[in-house]
Amino acid sequence: MKKYIWEGAVGVVLQPKPDRNGEYFWTFEFVRCFRQAGLEEMRYGKSFTQRNADALGKALDRAFEFMTTTSASSLADTSAP
């Protein structure tokens, strides 16, 4: 199960992954959400500009706080192969 932490249009996606011993740890990636001109649906990207830096820093701080206070195994889908 993925956990999304948003700060405006940018965020951090956290996902638990098992290591070789079966213990879970957090992986994370950055994501940006935007609406392209003339289109209704939201688009997602992985590129950022200097304008996104402050919000991305805040989202990353919140993501680190979540990772240090929440066990990755608590959100892991242990039924997956």
PDB file of N, CA and C in Angstrom:
ATOM      1  N   MET A   1       0.834  -1.165   0.000  1.00  0.00           N
ATOM      2  CA  MET A   1       0.000   0.000   0.000  1.00  0.00           C
ATOM      3  C   MET A   1       0.891   1.244   0.000  1.00  0.00           C
ATOM      4  N   LYS A   2       0.567   2.200  -0.831  1.00  0.00           N
ATOM      5  CA  LYS A   2       1.336   3.435  -0.914  1.00  0.00           C
ATOM      6  C   LYS A   2       0.730   4.498  -0.010  1.00  0.00           C
ATOM      7  N   LYS A   3       1.586   5.346   0.520  1.00  0.00           N
ATOM      8  CA  LYS A   3       1.164   6.477   1.348  1.00  0.00           C
ATOM      9  C   LYS A   3       1.623   7.746   0.638  1.00  0.00           C
ATOM     10  N   TYR A   4       0.667   8.628   0.327  1.00  0.00           N
ATOM     11  CA  TYR A   4       0.974   9.888  -0.343  1.00  0.00           C
ATOM     12  C   TYR A   4       0.974  11.008   0.685  1.00  0.00           C
ATOM     13  N   ILE A   5       2.014  11.823   0.664  1.00  0.00           N
ATOM     14  CA  ILE A   5       2.093  12.994   1.527  1.00  0.00           C
ATOM     15  C   ILE A   5       2.240  14.205   0.617  1.00  0.00           C
ATOM     16  N   TRP A   6       1.207  15.057   0.602  1.00  0.00           N
ATOM     17  CA  TRP A   6       1.153  16.195  -0.323  1.00  0.00           C
ATOM     18  C   TRP A   6       1.409  17.512   0.388  1.00  0.00           C
ATOM     19  N   GLU A   7       2.041  18.397  -0.327  1.00  0.00           N
ATOM     20  CA  GLU A   7       2.202  19.795   0.071  1.00  0.00           C
ATOM     21  C   GLU A   7       1.892  20.594  -1.184  1.00  0.00           C
ATOM     22  N   GLY A   8       0.638  21.007  -1.294  1.00  0.00           N
ATOM     23  CA  GLY A   8       0.212  21.669  -2.520  1.00  0.00           C
ATOM     24  C   GLY A   8       0.227  20.675  -3.669  1.00  0.00           C
ATOM     25  N   ALA A   9       0.901  21.049  -4.749  1.00  0.00           N
ATOM     26  CA  ALA A   9       0.927  20.217  -5.956  1.00  0.00           C
ATOM     27  C   ALA A   9       2.077  19.218  -5.986  1.00  0.00           C
ATOM     28  N   VAL A  10       2.931  19.222  -4.976  1.00  0.00           N
ATOM     29  CA  VAL A  10       4.051  18.278  -4.952  1.00  0.00           C
ATOM     30  C   VAL A  10       3.946  17.396  -3.721  1.00  0.00           C
ATOM     31  N   GLY A  11       4.532  16.228  -3.823  1.00  0.00           N
ATOM     32  CA  GLY A  11       4.449  15.319  -2.696  1.00  0.00           C
ATOM     33  C   GLY A  11       5.500  14.237  -2.725  1.00  0.00           C
ATOM     34  N   VAL A  12       5.402  13.386  -1.732  1.00  0.00           N
ATOM     35  CA  VAL A  12       6.292  12.242  -1.580  1.00  0.00           C
ATOM     36  C   VAL A  12       5.409  11.005  -1.476  1.00  0.00           C
ATOM     37  N   VAL A  13       5.757   9.980  -2.240  1.00  0.00           N
ATOM     38  CA  VAL A  13       5.038   8.709  -2.191  1.00  0.00           C
ATOM     39  C   VAL A  13       5.907   7.716  -1.430  1.00  0.00           C
ATOM     40  N   LEU A  14       5.369   7.183  -0.355  1.00  0.00           N
ATOM     41  CA  LEU A  14       6.078   6.185   0.445  1.00  0.00           C
ATOM     42  C   LEU A  14       5.491   4.812   0.164  1.00  0.00           C
ATOM     43  N   GLN A  15       6.364   3.825   0.092  1.00  0.00           N
ATOM     44  CA  GLN A  15       5.890   2.461  -0.123  1.00  0.00           C
ATOM     45  C   GLN A  15       6.791   1.497   0.634  1.00  0.00           C
ATOM     46  N   PRO A  16       6.199   0.597   1.418  1.00  0.00           N
ATOM     47  CA  PRO A  16       7.008  -0.401   2.113  1.00  0.00           C
ATOM     48  C   PRO A  16       7.468  -1.499   1.156  1.00  0.00           C
ATOM     49  N   LYS A  17       8.706  -1.921   1.325  1.00  0.00           N
ATOM     50  CA  LYS A  17       9.267  -3.014   0.524  1.00  0.00           C
ATOM     51  C   LYS A  17       9.964  -3.993   1.461  1.00  0.00           C
ATOM     52  N   PRO A  18       9.892  -5.289   1.152  1.00  0.00           N
ATOM     53  CA  PRO A  18      10.592  -6.262   1.994  1.00  0.00           C
ATOM     54  C   PRO A  18      12.054  -6.407   1.567  1.00  0.00           C
ATOM     55  N   ASP A  19      12.917  -6.616   2.561  1.00  0.00           N
ATOM     56  CA  ASP A  19      14.305  -6.925   2.233  1.00  0.00           C
ATOM     57  C   ASP A  19      14.452  -8.442   2.108  1.00  0.00           C
ATOM     58  N   ARG A  20      15.653  -8.915   1.956  1.00  0.00           N
ATOM     59  CA  ARG A  20      15.885 -10.358   1.758  1.00  0.00           C
ATOM     60  C   ARG A  20      15.455 -11.204   2.952  1.00  0.00           C
ATOM     61  N   ASN A  21      15.438 -10.596   4.125  1.00  0.00           N
ATOM     62  CA  ASN A  21      15.047 -11.319   5.341  1.00  0.00           C
ATOM     63  C   ASN A  21      13.553 -11.234   5.614  1.00  0.00           C
ATOM     64  N   GLY A  22      12.820 -10.537   4.749  1.00  0.00           N
ATOM     65  CA  GLY A  22      11.385 -10.401   4.943  1.00  0.00           C
ATOM     66  C   GLY A  22      10.978  -9.229   5.810  1.00  0.00           C
ATOM     67  N   GLU A  23      11.963  -8.462   6.284  1.00  0.00           N
ATOM     68  CA  GLU A  23      11.656  -7.271   7.071  1.00  0.00           C
ATOM     69  C   GLU A  23      11.399  -6.112   6.117  1.00  0.00           C
ATOM     70  N   TYR A  24      10.478  -5.237   6.494  1.00  0.00           N
ATOM     71  CA  TYR A  24      10.085  -4.145   5.610  1.00  0.00           C
ATOM     72  C   TYR A  24      10.839  -2.864   5.922  1.00  0.00           C
ATOM     73  N   PHE A  25      11.087  -2.087   4.874  1.00  0.00           N
ATOM     74  CA  PHE A  25      11.701  -0.767   4.979  1.00  0.00           C
ATOM     75  C   PHE A  25      10.956   0.162   4.024  1.00  0.00           C
ATOM     76  N   TRP A  26      11.129   1.463   4.203  1.00  0.00           N
ATOM     77  CA  TRP A  26      10.438   2.444   3.365  1.00  0.00           C
ATOM     78  C   TRP A  26      11.234   2.787   2.113  1.00  0.00           C
ATOM     79  N   THR A  27      10.554   2.885   0.996  1.00  0.00           N
ATOM     80  CA  THR A  27      11.111   3.490  -0.211  1.00  0.00           C
ATOM     81  C   THR A  27      10.284   4.741  -0.469  1.00  0.00           C
ATOM     82  N   PHE A  28      10.866   5.715  -1.164  1.00  0.00           N
ATOM     83  CA  PHE A  28      10.101   6.921  -1.451  1.00  0.00           C
ATOM     84  C   PHE A  28      10.504   7.518  -2.786  1.00  0.00           C
ATOM     85  N   GLU A  29       9.558   8.237  -3.363  1.00  0.00           N
ATOM     86  CA  GLU A  29       9.804   8.955  -4.605  1.00  0.00           C
ATOM     87  C   GLU A  29       9.020  10.258  -4.563  1.00  0.00           C
ATOM     88  N   PHE A  30       9.461  11.217  -5.342  1.00  0.00           N
ATOM     89  CA  PHE A  30       8.803  12.516  -5.409  1.00  0.00           C
ATOM     90  C   PHE A  30       7.800  12.513  -6.555  1.00  0.00           C
ATOM     91  N   VAL A  31       6.713  13.249  -6.385  1.00  0.00           N
ATOM     92  CA  VAL A  31       5.686  13.319  -7.421  1.00  0.00           C
ATOM     93  C   VAL A  31       5.127  14.740  -7.465  1.00  0.00           C
ATOM     94  N   ARG A  32       4.735  15.143  -8.661  1.00  0.00           N
ATOM     95  CA  ARG A  32       4.129  16.460  -8.870  1.00  0.00           C
ATOM     96  C   ARG A  32       2.830  16.249  -9.621  1.00  0.00           C
ATOM     97  N   CYS A  33       1.794  16.957  -9.200  1.00  0.00           N
ATOM     98  CA  CYS A  33       0.468  16.833  -9.796  1.00  0.00           C
ATOM     99  C   CYS A  33       0.121  18.158 -10.482  1.00  0.00           C
ATOM    100  N   PHE A  34      -0.407  18.084 -11.698  1.00  0.00           N
ATOM    101  CA  PHE A  34      -0.759  19.316 -12.412  1.00  0.00           C
ATOM    102  C   PHE A  34      -1.866  19.028 -13.408  1.00  0.00           C
ATOM    103  N   ARG A  35      -2.528  20.081 -13.826  1.00  0.00           N
ATOM    104  CA  ARG A  35      -3.573  19.961 -14.846  1.00  0.00           C
ATOM    105  C   ARG A  35      -3.039  20.660 -16.098  1.00  0.00           C
ATOM    106  N   GLN A  36      -2.978  19.925 -17.185  1.00  0.00           N
ATOM    107  CA  GLN A  36      -2.489  20.474 -18.443  1.00  0.00           C
ATOM    108  C   GLN A  36      -3.585  21.329 -19.074  1.00  0.00           C
ATOM    109  N   ALA A  37      -3.196  22.423 -19.694  1.00  0.00           N
ATOM    110  CA  ALA A  37      -4.146  23.354 -20.307  1.00  0.00           C
ATOM    111  C   ALA A  37      -5.094  22.623 -21.256  1.00  0.00           C
ATOM    112  N   GLY A  38      -6.382  22.875 -21.085  1.00  0.00           N
ATOM    113  CA  GLY A  38      -7.385  22.285 -21.956  1.00  0.00           C
ATOM    114  C   GLY A  38      -7.839  20.889 -21.581  1.00  0.00           C
ATOM    115  N   LEU A  39      -7.229  20.295 -20.577  1.00  0.00           N
ATOM    116  CA  LEU A  39      -7.596  18.938 -20.165  1.00  0.00           C
ATOM    117  C   LEU A  39      -8.185  18.954 -18.757  1.00  0.00           C
ATOM    118  N   GLU A  40      -9.158  18.110 -18.536  1.00  0.00           N
ATOM    119  CA  GLU A  40      -9.807  18.027 -17.226  1.00  0.00           C
ATOM    120  C   GLU A  40      -9.031  17.154 -16.236  1.00  0.00           C
ATOM    121  N   GLU A  41      -8.449  16.064 -16.733  1.00  0.00           N
ATOM    122  CA  GLU A  41      -7.810  15.124 -15.817  1.00  0.00           C
ATOM    123  C   GLU A  41      -6.473  15.654 -15.304  1.00  0.00           C
ATOM    124  N   MET A  42      -6.131  15.188 -14.119  1.00  0.00           N
ATOM    125  CA  MET A  42      -4.858  15.558 -13.518  1.00  0.00           C
ATOM    126  C   MET A  42      -3.754  14.695 -14.126  1.00  0.00           C
ATOM    127  N   ARG A  43      -2.606  15.272 -14.252  1.00  0.00           N
ATOM    128  CA  ARG A  43      -1.412  14.568 -14.733  1.00  0.00           C
ATOM    129  C   ARG A  43      -0.401  14.515 -13.597  1.00  0.00           C
ATOM    130  N   TYR A  44       0.483  13.539 -13.670  1.00  0.00           N
ATOM    131  CA  TYR A  44       1.510  13.383 -12.655  1.00  0.00           C
ATOM    132  C   TYR A  44       2.871  13.377 -13.327  1.00  0.00           C
ATOM    133  N   GLY A  45       3.828  14.033 -12.697  1.00  0.00           N
ATOM    134  CA  GLY A  45       5.172  14.097 -13.247  1.00  0.00           C
ATOM    135  C   GLY A  45       6.210  13.889 -12.164  1.00  0.00           C
ATOM    136  N   LYS A  46       7.434  13.719 -12.608  1.00  0.00           N
ATOM    137  CA  LYS A  46       8.541  13.530 -11.674  1.00  0.00           C
ATOM    138  C   LYS A  46       9.637  14.558 -11.893  1.00  0.00           C
ATOM    139  N   SER A  47       9.300  15.635 -12.596  1.00  0.00           N
ATOM    140  CA  SER A  47      10.266  16.719 -12.773  1.00  0.00           C
ATOM    141  C   SER A  47       9.780  17.920 -11.968  1.00  0.00           C
ATOM    142  N   PHE A  48      10.712  18.697 -11.475  1.00  0.00           N
ATOM    143  CA  PHE A  48      10.391  19.803 -10.586  1.00  0.00           C
ATOM    144  C   PHE A  48      11.164  21.044 -11.010  1.00  0.00           C
ATOM    145  N   THR A  49      10.679  22.191 -10.561  1.00  0.00           N
ATOM    146  CA  THR A  49      11.372  23.449 -10.821  1.00  0.00           C
ATOM    147  C   THR A  49      11.776  24.065  -9.490  1.00  0.00           C
ATOM    148  N   GLN A  50      12.512  25.128  -9.566  1.00  0.00           N
ATOM    149  CA  GLN A  50      12.919  25.854  -8.369  1.00  0.00           C
ATOM    150  C   GLN A  50      11.693  26.312  -7.574  1.00  0.00           C
ATOM    151  N   ARG A  51      10.605  26.592  -8.261  1.00  0.00           N
ATOM    152  CA  ARG A  51       9.372  27.035  -7.591  1.00  0.00           C
ATOM    153  C   ARG A  51       8.777  25.943  -6.701  1.00  0.00           C
ATOM    154  N   ASN A  52       9.089  24.697  -6.990  1.00  0.00           N
ATOM    155  CA  ASN A  52       8.566  23.575  -6.201  1.00  0.00           C
ATOM    156  C   ASN A  52       9.422  23.253  -4.981  1.00  0.00           C
ATOM    157  N   ALA A  53      10.600  23.841  -4.890  1.00  0.00           N
ATOM    158  CA  ALA A  53      11.577  23.432  -3.881  1.00  0.00           C
ATOM    159  C   ALA A  53      11.070  23.578  -2.452  1.00  0.00           C
ATOM    160  N   ASP A  54      10.460  24.697  -2.121  1.00  0.00           N
ATOM    161  CA  ASP A  54       9.999  24.921  -0.751  1.00  0.00           C
ATOM    162  C   ASP A  54       8.926  23.903  -0.359  1.00  0.00           C
ATOM    163  N   ALA A  55       7.931  23.719  -1.223  1.00  0.00           N
ATOM    164  CA  ALA A  55       6.854  22.764  -0.937  1.00  0.00           C
ATOM    165  C   ALA A  55       7.395  21.338  -0.879  1.00  0.00           C
ATOM    166  N   LEU A  56       8.328  21.010  -1.758  1.00  0.00           N
ATOM    167  CA  LEU A  56       8.898  19.664  -1.756  1.00  0.00           C
ATOM    168  C   LEU A  56       9.676  19.415  -0.464  1.00  0.00           C
ATOM    169  N   GLY A  57      10.386  20.434   0.006  1.00  0.00           N
ATOM    170  CA  GLY A  57      11.100  20.309   1.280  1.00  0.00           C
ATOM    171  C   GLY A  57      10.156  20.049   2.439  1.00  0.00           C
ATOM    172  N   LYS A  58       9.020  20.744   2.456  1.00  0.00           N
ATOM    173  CA  LYS A  58       8.028  20.541   3.517  1.00  0.00           C
ATOM    174  C   LYS A  58       7.431  19.139   3.443  1.00  0.00           C
ATOM    175  N   ALA A  59       7.116  18.688   2.238  1.00  0.00           N
ATOM    176  CA  ALA A  59       6.562  17.337   2.075  1.00  0.00           C
ATOM    177  C   ALA A  59       7.584  16.287   2.501  1.00  0.00           C
ATOM    178  N   LEU A  60       8.842  16.508   2.173  1.00  0.00           N
ATOM    179  CA  LEU A  60       9.893  15.566   2.547  1.00  0.00           C
ATOM    180  C   LEU A  60      10.071  15.525   4.065  1.00  0.00           C
ATOM    181  N   ASP A  61      10.012  16.683   4.721  1.00  0.00           N
ATOM    182  CA  ASP A  61      10.082  16.711   6.185  1.00  0.00           C
ATOM    183  C   ASP A  61       8.956  15.885   6.797  1.00  0.00           C
ATOM    184  N   ARG A  62       7.745  16.057   6.276  1.00  0.00           N
ATOM    185  CA  ARG A  62       6.597  15.308   6.786  1.00  0.00           C
ATOM    186  C   ARG A  62       6.742  13.814   6.493  1.00  0.00           C
ATOM    187  N   ALA A  63       7.297  13.482   5.325  1.00  0.00           N
ATOM    188  CA  ALA A  63       7.513  12.075   4.974  1.00  0.00           C
ATOM    189  C   ALA A  63       8.541  11.436   5.907  1.00  0.00           C
ATOM    190  N   PHE A  64       9.634  12.143   6.202  1.00  0.00           N
ATOM    191  CA  PHE A  64      10.641  11.606   7.123  1.00  0.00           C
ATOM    192  C   PHE A  64      10.046  11.395   8.512  1.00  0.00           C
ATOM    193  N   GLU A  65       9.215  12.344   8.946  1.00  0.00           N
ATOM    194  CA  GLU A  65       8.552  12.197  10.243  1.00  0.00           C
ATOM    195  C   GLU A  65       7.671  10.947  10.244  1.00  0.00           C
ATOM    196  N   PHE A  66       6.913  10.750   9.174  1.00  0.00           N
ATOM    197  CA  PHE A  66       6.046   9.576   9.071  1.00  0.00           C
ATOM    198  C   PHE A  66       6.870   8.291   9.085  1.00  0.00           C
ATOM    199  N   MET A  67       7.975   8.261   8.333  1.00  0.00           N
ATOM    200  CA  MET A  67       8.796   7.049   8.261  1.00  0.00           C
ATOM    201  C   MET A  67       9.438   6.714   9.601  1.00  0.00           C
ATOM    202  N   THR A  68       9.780   7.737  10.391  1.00  0.00           N
ATOM    203  CA  THR A  68      10.426   7.467  11.677  1.00  0.00           C
ATOM    204  C   THR A  68       9.430   7.091  12.764  1.00  0.00           C
ATOM    205  N   THR A  69       8.154   7.398  12.566  1.00  0.00           N
ATOM    206  CA  THR A  69       7.156   7.093  13.592  1.00  0.00           C
ATOM    207  C   THR A  69       6.229   5.936  13.211  1.00  0.00           C
ATOM    208  N   THR A  70       6.332   5.454  11.978  1.00  0.00           N
ATOM    209  CA  THR A  70       5.440   4.398  11.501  1.00  0.00           C
ATOM    210  C   THR A  70       6.259   3.244  10.936  1.00  0.00           C
ATOM    211  N   SER A  71       5.983   2.064  11.397  1.00  0.00           N
ATOM    212  CA  SER A  71       6.676   0.878  10.892  1.00  0.00           C
ATOM    213  C   SER A  71       6.245   0.598   9.453  1.00  0.00           C
ATOM    214  N   ALA A  72       7.207   0.332   8.595  1.00  0.00           N
ATOM    215  CA  ALA A  72       6.889   0.014   7.198  1.00  0.00           C
ATOM    216  C   ALA A  72       6.023  -1.236   7.109  1.00  0.00           C
ATOM    217  N   SER A  73       6.204  -2.161   8.025  1.00  0.00           N
ATOM    218  CA  SER A  73       5.406  -3.392   7.988  1.00  0.00           C
ATOM    219  C   SER A  73       3.933  -3.129   8.287  1.00  0.00           C
ATOM    220  N   SER A  74       3.622  -2.002   8.927  1.00  0.00           N
ATOM    221  CA  SER A  74       2.222  -1.708   9.246  1.00  0.00           C
ATOM    222  C   SER A  74       1.407  -1.370   7.999  1.00  0.00           C
ATOM    223  N   LEU A  75       2.054  -0.921   6.925  1.00  0.00           N
ATOM    224  CA  LEU A  75       1.353  -0.624   5.677  1.00  0.00           C
ATOM    225  C   LEU A  75       1.662  -1.624   4.574  1.00  0.00           C
ATOM    226  N   ALA A  76       2.463  -2.625   4.886  1.00  0.00           N
ATOM    227  CA  ALA A  76       2.857  -3.606   3.872  1.00  0.00           C
ATOM    228  C   ALA A  76       1.695  -4.524   3.532  1.00  0.00           C
ATOM    229  N   ASP A  77       1.588  -4.840   2.260  1.00  0.00           N
ATOM    230  CA  ASP A  77       0.604  -5.825   1.801  1.00  0.00           C
ATOM    231  C   ASP A  77       1.278  -7.186   1.894  1.00  0.00           C
ATOM    232  N   THR A  78       1.105  -7.835   3.019  1.00  0.00           N
ATOM    233  CA  THR A  78       1.792  -9.112   3.246  1.00  0.00           C
ATOM    234  C   THR A  78       1.161 -10.268   2.492  1.00  0.00           C
ATOM    235  N   SER A  79       0.031 -10.022   1.825  1.00  0.00           N
ATOM    236  CA  SER A  79      -0.588 -11.090   1.038  1.00  0.00           C
ATOM    237  C   SER A  79       0.013 -11.192  -0.357  1.00  0.00           C
ATOM    238  N   ALA A  80       0.795 -10.174  -0.764  1.00  0.00           N
ATOM    239  CA  ALA A  80       1.410 -10.191  -2.096  1.00  0.00           C
ATOM    240  C   ALA A  80       2.556 -11.195  -2.115  1.00  0.00           C
ATOM    241  N   PRO A  81       2.812 -11.804  -3.284  1.00  0.00           N
ATOM    242  CA  PRO A  81       3.902 -12.791  -3.375  1.00  0.00           C
ATOM    243  C   PRO A  81       5.267 -12.147  -3.254  1.00  0.00           C
TER     244      PRO A  81
END
